[in-house]
Amino acid sequence: MAEINNIMDVIEAGLKAETLRQKAIASNVANLQTPGYRSVDIRFEELLDKAMQGSETLDLGDIQSELYEPGETPVKSNGNDVSLEVEVGKMIKNTLHQKTYIRLLQTKYRQMQLAMDVR
């Protein structure tokens, strides 16, 4: 299993991935009625898991989220596969992930502050 040197790197990589995912969701919603548009999402968790299974030290800066077409929803007659209900669900889940990363970041900063205040 790969070694993670800094939890802050994990939090940063997660926040970047969730920000990119939020942009993908916004693009999907904006193209809800665009003929031929296919919904997009990002791969981050799978890439992180694969990198963590390796034996060398993990550099999270090397993990780039991938944009892909999941093809999970049926295609409508106009060739568009965006489902507003699915996108709203993804948006809610993504928002919860972002809040979790932010809370983790706040906790780490609080721990650093406490360590600096020790006399």
N, C-alpha and C. Protein backbone atom coordinates (compact mmCIF):
# COMPACT_ATOMS: atom_id res chain seq x y z
N MET A 1 0.85 -1.18 0.00
CA MET A 1 0.00 0.00 0.00
C MET A 1 0.89 1.24 0.00
N ALA A 2 0.49 2.25 -0.73
CA ALA A 2 1.28 3.47 -0.85
C ALA A 2 1.26 4.26 0.46
N GLU A 3 2.32 5.01 0.67
CA GLU A 3 2.44 5.85 1.86
C GLU A 3 1.98 7.26 1.52
N ILE A 4 1.12 7.82 2.32
CA ILE A 4 0.68 9.20 2.14
C ILE A 4 1.42 10.04 3.15
N ASN A 5 2.23 10.98 2.66
CA ASN A 5 3.08 11.77 3.54
C ASN A 5 2.32 12.87 4.26
N ASN A 6 1.27 13.39 3.69
CA ASN A 6 0.63 14.56 4.28
C ASN A 6 -0.87 14.52 4.05
N ILE A 7 -1.62 14.49 5.12
CA ILE A 7 -3.08 14.46 5.01
C ILE A 7 -3.61 15.72 4.33
N MET A 8 -2.86 16.81 4.45
CA MET A 8 -3.27 18.05 3.78
C MET A 8 -3.29 17.87 2.26
N ASP A 9 -2.38 17.05 1.74
CA ASP A 9 -2.36 16.77 0.30
C ASP A 9 -3.61 16.01 -0.12
N VAL A 10 -4.04 15.09 0.71
CA VAL A 10 -5.25 14.33 0.42
C VAL A 10 -6.46 15.25 0.41
N ILE A 11 -6.55 16.12 1.40
CA ILE A 11 -7.67 17.06 1.47
C ILE A 11 -7.65 17.99 0.27
N GLU A 12 -6.48 18.50 -0.09
CA GLU A 12 -6.37 19.40 -1.24
C GLU A 12 -6.79 18.70 -2.53
N ALA A 13 -6.32 17.48 -2.73
CA ALA A 13 -6.67 16.73 -3.94
C ALA A 13 -8.18 16.46 -3.98
N GLY A 14 -8.76 16.12 -2.83
CA GLY A 14 -10.20 15.89 -2.76
C GLY A 14 -11.00 17.14 -3.08
N LEU A 15 -10.58 18.27 -2.53
CA LEU A 15 -11.28 19.53 -2.81
C LEU A 15 -11.19 19.90 -4.29
N LYS A 16 -10.02 19.69 -4.88
CA LYS A 16 -9.88 19.98 -6.32
C LYS A 16 -10.80 19.09 -7.15
N ALA A 17 -10.86 17.81 -6.79
CA ALA A 17 -11.71 16.87 -7.52
C ALA A 17 -13.18 17.24 -7.40
N GLU A 18 -13.61 17.58 -6.19
CA GLU A 18 -15.02 17.93 -5.99
C GLU A 18 -15.37 19.25 -6.68
N THR A 19 -14.41 20.17 -6.76
CA THR A 19 -14.64 21.42 -7.49
C THR A 19 -14.82 21.13 -8.98
N LEU A 20 -13.98 20.27 -9.53
CA LEU A 20 -14.12 19.88 -10.93
C LEU A 20 -15.43 19.15 -11.17
N ARG A 21 -15.81 18.29 -10.23
CA ARG A 21 -17.07 17.56 -10.37
C ARG A 21 -18.26 18.54 -10.35
N GLN A 22 -18.19 19.57 -9.50
CA GLN A 22 -19.27 20.56 -9.45
C GLN A 22 -19.41 21.27 -10.80
N LYS A 23 -18.27 21.56 -11.44
CA LYS A 23 -18.30 22.19 -12.77
C LYS A 23 -18.91 21.26 -13.80
N ALA A 24 -18.59 19.97 -13.72
CA ALA A 24 -19.16 18.99 -14.64
C ALA A 24 -20.68 18.89 -14.46
N ILE A 25 -21.13 18.90 -13.22
CA ILE A 25 -22.57 18.85 -12.94
C ILE A 25 -23.25 20.10 -13.49
N ALA A 26 -22.64 21.27 -13.27
CA ALA A 26 -23.21 22.52 -13.79
C ALA A 26 -23.30 22.49 -15.31
N SER A 27 -22.29 21.94 -15.95
CA SER A 27 -22.30 21.82 -17.41
C SER A 27 -23.43 20.89 -17.87
N ASN A 28 -23.60 19.79 -17.15
CA ASN A 28 -24.68 18.86 -17.49
C ASN A 28 -26.04 19.53 -17.37
N VAL A 29 -26.27 20.26 -16.29
CA VAL A 29 -27.55 20.93 -16.09
C VAL A 29 -27.76 22.01 -17.15
N ALA A 30 -26.69 22.75 -17.47
CA ALA A 30 -26.80 23.81 -18.47
C ALA A 30 -27.15 23.25 -19.85
N ASN A 31 -26.76 22.00 -20.10
CA ASN A 31 -27.02 21.37 -21.40
C ASN A 31 -28.17 20.38 -21.35
N LEU A 32 -29.06 20.56 -20.40
CA LEU A 32 -30.18 19.65 -20.19
C LEU A 32 -31.00 19.43 -21.47
N GLN A 33 -31.19 20.46 -22.26
CA GLN A 33 -32.01 20.37 -23.47
C GLN A 33 -31.19 20.39 -24.77
N THR A 34 -29.88 20.34 -24.66
CA THR A 34 -29.03 20.40 -25.85
C THR A 34 -29.06 19.06 -26.58
N PRO A 35 -29.50 19.06 -27.85
CA PRO A 35 -29.55 17.80 -28.60
C PRO A 35 -28.16 17.19 -28.75
N GLY A 36 -28.07 15.90 -28.51
CA GLY A 36 -26.83 15.17 -28.68
C GLY A 36 -25.83 15.29 -27.54
N TYR A 37 -26.13 16.11 -26.53
CA TYR A 37 -25.20 16.27 -25.41
C TYR A 37 -25.23 15.03 -24.53
N ARG A 38 -24.05 14.57 -24.14
CA ARG A 38 -23.92 13.43 -23.23
C ARG A 38 -23.36 13.93 -21.91
N SER A 39 -23.94 13.49 -20.81
CA SER A 39 -23.50 13.94 -19.49
C SER A 39 -22.06 13.50 -19.22
N VAL A 40 -21.38 14.31 -18.41
CA VAL A 40 -19.99 14.02 -18.05
C VAL A 40 -19.86 13.96 -16.53
N ASP A 41 -18.84 13.28 -16.07
CA ASP A 41 -18.50 13.18 -14.66
C ASP A 41 -16.99 13.06 -14.58
N ILE A 42 -16.45 13.00 -13.38
CA ILE A 42 -15.00 12.84 -13.25
C ILE A 42 -14.68 11.55 -12.52
N ARG A 43 -13.49 11.03 -12.79
CA ARG A 43 -12.97 9.89 -12.05
C ARG A 43 -11.88 10.43 -11.14
N PHE A 44 -12.06 10.29 -9.86
CA PHE A 44 -11.01 10.66 -8.91
C PHE A 44 -10.83 9.55 -7.90
N GLU A 45 -11.93 9.12 -7.31
CA GLU A 45 -11.86 8.12 -6.26
C GLU A 45 -11.20 6.84 -6.76
N GLU A 46 -11.56 6.41 -7.99
CA GLU A 46 -10.98 5.20 -8.55
C GLU A 46 -9.47 5.37 -8.75
N LEU A 47 -9.07 6.56 -9.25
CA LEU A 47 -7.65 6.82 -9.49
C LEU A 47 -6.87 6.88 -8.17
N LEU A 48 -7.47 7.50 -7.16
CA LEU A 48 -6.83 7.57 -5.85
C LEU A 48 -6.67 6.17 -5.26
N ASP A 49 -7.72 5.36 -5.36
CA ASP A 49 -7.66 3.99 -4.84
C ASP A 49 -6.58 3.19 -5.55
N LYS A 50 -6.52 3.31 -6.86
CA LYS A 50 -5.51 2.59 -7.64
C LYS A 50 -4.10 3.03 -7.25
N ALA A 51 -3.92 4.35 -7.08
CA ALA A 51 -2.60 4.86 -6.68
C ALA A 51 -2.22 4.39 -5.29
N MET A 52 -3.20 4.29 -4.39
CA MET A 52 -2.91 3.88 -3.02
C MET A 52 -2.58 2.39 -2.93
N GLN A 53 -2.98 1.61 -3.91
CA GLN A 53 -2.68 0.18 -3.92
C GLN A 53 -1.23 -0.09 -4.31
N GLY A 54 -0.56 0.93 -4.87
CA GLY A 54 0.84 0.77 -5.27
C GLY A 54 1.74 0.71 -4.05
N SER A 55 3.00 0.37 -4.28
CA SER A 55 3.93 0.20 -3.16
C SER A 55 4.82 1.41 -2.93
N GLU A 56 4.88 2.33 -3.89
CA GLU A 56 5.75 3.49 -3.72
C GLU A 56 5.02 4.63 -2.99
N THR A 57 5.78 5.66 -2.64
CA THR A 57 5.20 6.82 -1.98
C THR A 57 4.24 7.51 -2.93
N LEU A 58 3.11 7.87 -2.44
CA LEU A 58 2.05 8.46 -3.25
C LEU A 58 2.21 9.97 -3.33
N ASP A 59 2.30 10.50 -4.55
CA ASP A 59 2.33 11.94 -4.76
C ASP A 59 0.97 12.34 -5.33
N LEU A 60 0.13 12.91 -4.49
CA LEU A 60 -1.22 13.25 -4.92
C LEU A 60 -1.24 14.32 -6.00
N GLY A 61 -0.16 15.06 -6.13
CA GLY A 61 -0.08 16.05 -7.20
C GLY A 61 -0.06 15.41 -8.58
N ASP A 62 0.34 14.14 -8.63
CA ASP A 62 0.39 13.42 -9.91
C ASP A 62 -0.96 12.85 -10.31
N ILE A 63 -1.90 12.79 -9.39
CA ILE A 63 -3.22 12.24 -9.70
C ILE A 63 -4.09 13.35 -10.28
N GLN A 64 -4.46 13.20 -11.53
CA GLN A 64 -5.32 14.17 -12.19
C GLN A 64 -6.69 13.53 -12.39
N SER A 65 -7.72 14.25 -12.02
CA SER A 65 -9.08 13.76 -12.23
C SER A 65 -9.33 13.64 -13.72
N GLU A 66 -10.04 12.60 -14.12
CA GLU A 66 -10.37 12.38 -15.53
C GLU A 66 -11.83 12.71 -15.78
N LEU A 67 -12.09 13.39 -16.87
CA LEU A 67 -13.45 13.66 -17.30
C LEU A 67 -13.88 12.51 -18.20
N TYR A 68 -15.06 11.98 -17.99
CA TYR A 68 -15.54 10.87 -18.81
C TYR A 68 -17.05 10.91 -18.92
N GLU A 69 -17.59 10.17 -19.88
CA GLU A 69 -19.04 10.04 -20.06
C GLU A 69 -19.48 8.74 -19.40
N PRO A 70 -20.24 8.83 -18.30
CA PRO A 70 -20.60 7.60 -17.58
C PRO A 70 -21.62 6.73 -18.30
N GLY A 71 -22.50 7.32 -19.09
CA GLY A 71 -23.49 6.53 -19.82
C GLY A 71 -24.45 5.78 -18.92
N GLU A 72 -24.77 6.35 -17.76
CA GLU A 72 -25.63 5.66 -16.79
C GLU A 72 -27.13 5.91 -17.03
N THR A 73 -27.46 6.97 -17.73
CA THR A 73 -28.87 7.33 -17.92
C THR A 73 -29.29 7.05 -19.36
N PRO A 74 -30.55 6.74 -19.56
CA PRO A 74 -31.01 6.44 -20.92
C PRO A 74 -30.97 7.69 -21.81
N VAL A 75 -30.71 7.44 -23.07
CA VAL A 75 -30.64 8.52 -24.05
C VAL A 75 -32.05 8.84 -24.54
N LYS A 76 -32.36 10.15 -24.53
CA LYS A 76 -33.67 10.59 -25.00
C LYS A 76 -33.69 10.64 -26.53
N SER A 77 -34.84 10.93 -27.11
CA SER A 77 -34.99 10.94 -28.56
C SER A 77 -34.08 11.97 -29.25
N ASN A 78 -33.69 13.04 -28.53
CA ASN A 78 -32.83 14.05 -29.13
C ASN A 78 -31.34 13.72 -28.95
N GLY A 79 -31.03 12.54 -28.42
CA GLY A 79 -29.64 12.13 -28.24
C GLY A 79 -29.01 12.61 -26.95
N ASN A 80 -29.76 13.29 -26.12
CA ASN A 80 -29.28 13.83 -24.85
C ASN A 80 -29.57 12.81 -23.75
N ASP A 81 -28.63 12.63 -22.83
CA ASP A 81 -28.86 11.66 -21.74
C ASP A 81 -28.86 12.30 -20.36
N VAL A 82 -28.96 13.63 -20.27
CA VAL A 82 -28.92 14.31 -18.98
C VAL A 82 -30.27 14.17 -18.28
N SER A 83 -30.22 13.74 -17.03
CA SER A 83 -31.41 13.64 -16.19
C SER A 83 -31.27 14.66 -15.06
N LEU A 84 -32.20 15.58 -14.97
CA LEU A 84 -32.13 16.60 -13.93
C LEU A 84 -32.13 15.97 -12.54
N GLU A 85 -32.92 14.93 -12.34
CA GLU A 85 -32.99 14.28 -11.04
C GLU A 85 -31.64 13.67 -10.65
N VAL A 86 -30.99 13.03 -11.61
CA VAL A 86 -29.67 12.42 -11.35
C VAL A 86 -28.66 13.51 -11.02
N GLU A 87 -28.68 14.60 -11.77
CA GLU A 87 -27.72 15.69 -11.56
C GLU A 87 -27.93 16.38 -10.21
N VAL A 88 -29.18 16.56 -9.81
CA VAL A 88 -29.44 17.16 -8.49
C VAL A 88 -28.93 16.23 -7.39
N GLY A 89 -29.13 14.93 -7.55
CA GLY A 89 -28.60 13.97 -6.58
C GLY A 89 -27.08 14.03 -6.50
N LYS A 90 -26.42 14.11 -7.66
CA LYS A 90 -24.96 14.22 -7.69
C LYS A 90 -24.51 15.53 -7.03
N MET A 91 -25.27 16.60 -7.26
CA MET A 91 -24.91 17.90 -6.69
C MET A 91 -24.99 17.86 -5.16
N ILE A 92 -26.02 17.23 -4.63
CA ILE A 92 -26.17 17.12 -3.18
C ILE A 92 -25.02 16.29 -2.59
N LYS A 93 -24.73 15.16 -3.21
CA LYS A 93 -23.64 14.30 -2.75
C LYS A 93 -22.30 15.03 -2.82
N ASN A 94 -22.09 15.74 -3.90
CA ASN A 94 -20.84 16.49 -4.09
C ASN A 94 -20.70 17.58 -3.04
N THR A 95 -21.78 18.27 -2.74
CA THR A 95 -21.76 19.32 -1.72
C THR A 95 -21.39 18.74 -0.36
N LEU A 96 -21.93 17.58 -0.04
CA LEU A 96 -21.58 16.92 1.23
C LEU A 96 -20.11 16.53 1.27
N HIS A 97 -19.58 16.07 0.15
CA HIS A 97 -18.14 15.75 0.09
C HIS A 97 -17.30 17.00 0.31
N GLN A 98 -17.68 18.10 -0.34
CA GLN A 98 -16.94 19.35 -0.18
C GLN A 98 -16.97 19.81 1.28
N LYS A 99 -18.13 19.75 1.90
CA LYS A 99 -18.24 20.16 3.31
C LYS A 99 -17.37 19.28 4.21
N THR A 100 -17.31 17.99 3.90
CA THR A 100 -16.48 17.08 4.69
C THR A 100 -15.01 17.46 4.57
N TYR A 101 -14.55 17.70 3.35
CA TYR A 101 -13.15 18.11 3.16
C TYR A 101 -12.85 19.42 3.88
N ILE A 102 -13.78 20.36 3.83
CA ILE A 102 -13.57 21.65 4.50
C ILE A 102 -13.51 21.46 6.01
N ARG A 103 -14.37 20.61 6.55
CA ARG A 103 -14.32 20.35 8.00
C ARG A 103 -13.01 19.67 8.40
N LEU A 104 -12.54 18.76 7.57
CA LEU A 104 -11.24 18.13 7.84
C LEU A 104 -10.12 19.17 7.83
N LEU A 105 -10.18 20.07 6.87
CA LEU A 105 -9.18 21.13 6.77
C LEU A 105 -9.24 22.04 7.99
N GLN A 106 -10.44 22.40 8.43
CA GLN A 106 -10.59 23.23 9.63
C GLN A 106 -10.01 22.52 10.85
N THR A 107 -10.25 21.23 10.96
CA THR A 107 -9.72 20.46 12.08
C THR A 107 -8.20 20.45 12.08
N LYS A 108 -7.60 20.26 10.91
CA LYS A 108 -6.14 20.26 10.82
C LYS A 108 -5.57 21.62 11.20
N TYR A 109 -6.20 22.70 10.73
CA TYR A 109 -5.72 24.04 11.08
C TYR A 109 -5.87 24.30 12.58
N ARG A 110 -6.96 23.82 13.15
CA ARG A 110 -7.18 23.97 14.60
C ARG A 110 -6.10 23.21 15.37
N GLN A 111 -5.76 22.02 14.90
CA GLN A 111 -4.70 21.23 15.54
C GLN A 111 -3.36 21.96 15.46
N MET A 112 -3.07 22.55 14.31
CA MET A 112 -1.83 23.30 14.15
C MET A 112 -1.80 24.52 15.08
N GLN A 113 -2.92 25.19 15.19
CA GLN A 113 -3.01 26.35 16.06
C GLN A 113 -2.80 25.95 17.52
N LEU A 114 -3.41 24.86 17.93
CA LEU A 114 -3.22 24.37 19.29
C LEU A 114 -1.75 24.01 19.56
N ALA A 115 -1.13 23.38 18.56
CA ALA A 115 0.29 23.02 18.72
C ALA A 115 1.18 24.25 18.85
N MET A 116 0.84 25.29 18.14
CA MET A 116 1.64 26.53 18.21
C MET A 116 1.40 27.31 19.51
N ASP A 117 0.23 27.12 20.10
CA ASP A 117 -0.12 27.85 21.31
C ASP A 117 0.40 27.18 22.59
N VAL A 118 0.95 25.98 22.47
CA VAL A 118 1.46 25.27 23.65
C VAL A 118 2.67 26.02 24.19
N ARG A 119 2.68 26.21 25.52
CA ARG A 119 3.79 26.95 26.14
C ARG A 119 4.54 26.10 27.12
